[in-house]
C-alpha atoms as a PDB file:
ATOM      1  CA  MET A   1       6.452   6.554  -6.428  1.00  0.00           C
ATOM      2  CA  LYS A   2       8.213   4.634  -4.458  1.00  0.00           C
ATOM      3  CA  ILE A   3       8.312   4.416  -0.650  1.00  0.00           C
ATOM      4  CA  SER A   4       9.981   2.295   2.734  1.00  0.00           C
ATOM      5  CA  ALA A   5       5.952   1.855   4.686  1.00  0.00           C
ATOM      6  CA  ARG A   6       4.143  -0.838   4.436  1.00  0.00           C
ATOM      7  CA  ASN A   7       0.654   0.241   4.715  1.00  0.00           C
ATOM      8  CA  VAL A   8      -0.477   2.727   1.737  1.00  0.00           C
ATOM      9  CA  LEU A   9      -4.605   2.751   2.188  1.00  0.00           C
ATOM     10  CA  LYS A  10      -5.588   4.773  -1.879  1.00  0.00           C
ATOM     11  CA  GLY A  11      -8.802   6.430  -1.568  1.00  0.00           C
ATOM     12  CA  LYS A  12     -10.264   9.843  -1.890  1.00  0.00           C
ATOM     13  CA  VAL A  13     -10.153  13.038  -0.047  1.00  0.00           C
ATOM     14  CA  LYS A  14     -14.018  13.546   0.832  1.00  0.00           C
ATOM     15  CA  ARG A  15     -13.285  15.748   3.291  1.00  0.00           C
ATOM     16  CA  ILE A  16     -11.343  19.239   4.499  1.00  0.00           C
ATOM     17  CA  VAL A  17     -11.384  21.197   7.167  1.00  0.00           C
ATOM     18  CA  HIS A  18      -8.880  24.168   7.413  1.00  0.00           C
ATOM     19  CA  GLY A  19      -7.372  25.523  10.659  1.00  0.00           C
ATOM     20  CA  SER A  20      -4.621  28.262  10.743  1.00  0.00           C
ATOM     21  CA  VAL A  21      -2.052  25.485  11.620  1.00  0.00           C
ATOM     22  CA  ASN A  22      -3.152  22.394  10.434  1.00  0.00           C
ATOM     23  CA  SER A  23      -5.882  21.015   8.051  1.00  0.00           C
ATOM     24  CA  GLU A  24      -7.415  18.227   8.921  1.00  0.00           C
ATOM     25  CA  VAL A  25      -8.211  15.438   5.682  1.00  0.00           C
ATOM     26  CA  ILE A  26     -11.165  13.408   5.892  1.00  0.00           C
ATOM     27  CA  VAL A  27      -9.303   9.733   3.072  1.00  0.00           C
ATOM     28  CA  GLU A  28     -12.426   7.225   1.782  1.00  0.00           C
ATOM     29  CA  LEU A  29     -11.615   4.815   0.716  1.00  0.00           C
ATOM     30  CA  PRO A  30     -12.925   1.592  -1.318  1.00  0.00           C
ATOM     31  CA  GLY A  31     -15.667   0.595   0.424  1.00  0.00           C
ATOM     32  CA  GLY A  32     -16.935   3.766   2.148  1.00  0.00           C
ATOM     33  CA  VAL A  33     -14.476   3.293   4.683  1.00  0.00           C
ATOM     34  CA  GLU A  34     -12.924   6.625   5.962  1.00  0.00           C
ATOM     35  CA  ILE A  35      -9.550   7.567   7.209  1.00  0.00           C
ATOM     36  CA  THR A  36      -8.720  11.119   8.992  1.00  0.00           C
ATOM     37  CA  SER A  37      -5.450  12.602   8.657  1.00  0.00           C
ATOM     38  CA  ILE A  38      -3.920  16.551  10.408  1.00  0.00           C
ATOM     39  CA  ILE A  39      -2.120  17.986   8.866  1.00  0.00           C
ATOM     40  CA  THR A  40       0.046  21.299   8.227  1.00  0.00           C
ATOM     41  CA  LYS A  41      -2.325  23.715   6.493  1.00  0.00           C
ATOM     42  CA  SER A  42       1.473  24.299   4.444  1.00  0.00           C
ATOM     43  CA  SER A  43       1.331  20.294   3.423  1.00  0.00           C
ATOM     44  CA  ALA A  44      -2.685  20.309   2.467  1.00  0.00           C
ATOM     45  CA  GLU A  45      -2.229  23.016   0.539  1.00  0.00           C
ATOM     46  CA  ASN A  46       1.443  22.573  -1.196  1.00  0.00           C
ATOM     47  CA  LEU A  47       0.049  18.875  -2.020  1.00  0.00           C
ATOM     48  CA  ASP A  48      -2.563  20.417  -3.602  1.00  0.00           C
ATOM     49  CA  LEU A  49      -5.673  18.607  -2.538  1.00  0.00           C
ATOM     50  CA  LYS A  50      -8.606  19.296  -3.133  1.00  0.00           C
ATOM     51  CA  GLU A  51     -11.886  17.643  -2.561  1.00  0.00           C
ATOM     52  CA  GLY A  52     -12.180  14.065  -4.277  1.00  0.00           C
ATOM     53  CA  HIS A  53      -8.623  13.991  -5.135  1.00  0.00           C
ATOM     54  CA  GLU A  54      -7.163  10.616  -5.658  1.00  0.00           C
ATOM     55  CA  VAL A  55      -4.626  10.341  -2.421  1.00  0.00           C
ATOM     56  CA  TYR A  56      -2.687   7.471  -0.576  1.00  0.00           C
ATOM     57  CA  ALA A  57      -2.844   7.547   3.976  1.00  0.00           C
ATOM     58  CA  VAL A  58       0.545   6.439   5.053  1.00  0.00           C
ATOM     59  CA  ILE A  59       0.920   4.845   7.554  1.00  0.00           C
ATOM     60  CA  LYS A  60       4.503   4.109   9.188  1.00  0.00           C
ATOM     61  CA  ALA A  61       3.715   4.021  13.525  1.00  0.00           C
ATOM     62  CA  THR A  62       6.435   1.356  15.844  1.00  0.00           C
ATOM     63  CA  SER A  63       3.016   0.543  17.770  1.00  0.00           C
ATOM     64  CA  VAL A  64      -0.950   0.064  17.591  1.00  0.00           C
ATOM     65  CA  MET A  65      -2.131   0.118  20.635  1.00  0.00           C
ATOM     66  CA  ILE A  66      -5.416  -1.361  21.820  1.00  0.00           C
ATOM     67  CA  ALA A  67      -7.462  -0.731  24.288  1.00  0.00           C
ATOM     68  CA  SER A  68     -10.547  -2.686  25.683  1.00  0.00           C
ATOM     69  CA  GLU A  69     -12.928  -2.262  29.345  1.00  0.00           C
END
């Protein structure tokens, strides 16, 4: 797999929650940190995602906002 995004995190699918349109995919990274992604249900099905599968979380954003009280 080649991709232009610089932020590619390898992990395992910990949990998938399917809705009627979207699926919430929780990926556990090494060290136990979790990252959550909302993708279409059809994308989750096309990727044949299952708990325990090794996947890549690819983060591509034009800006990252930080807020503080």
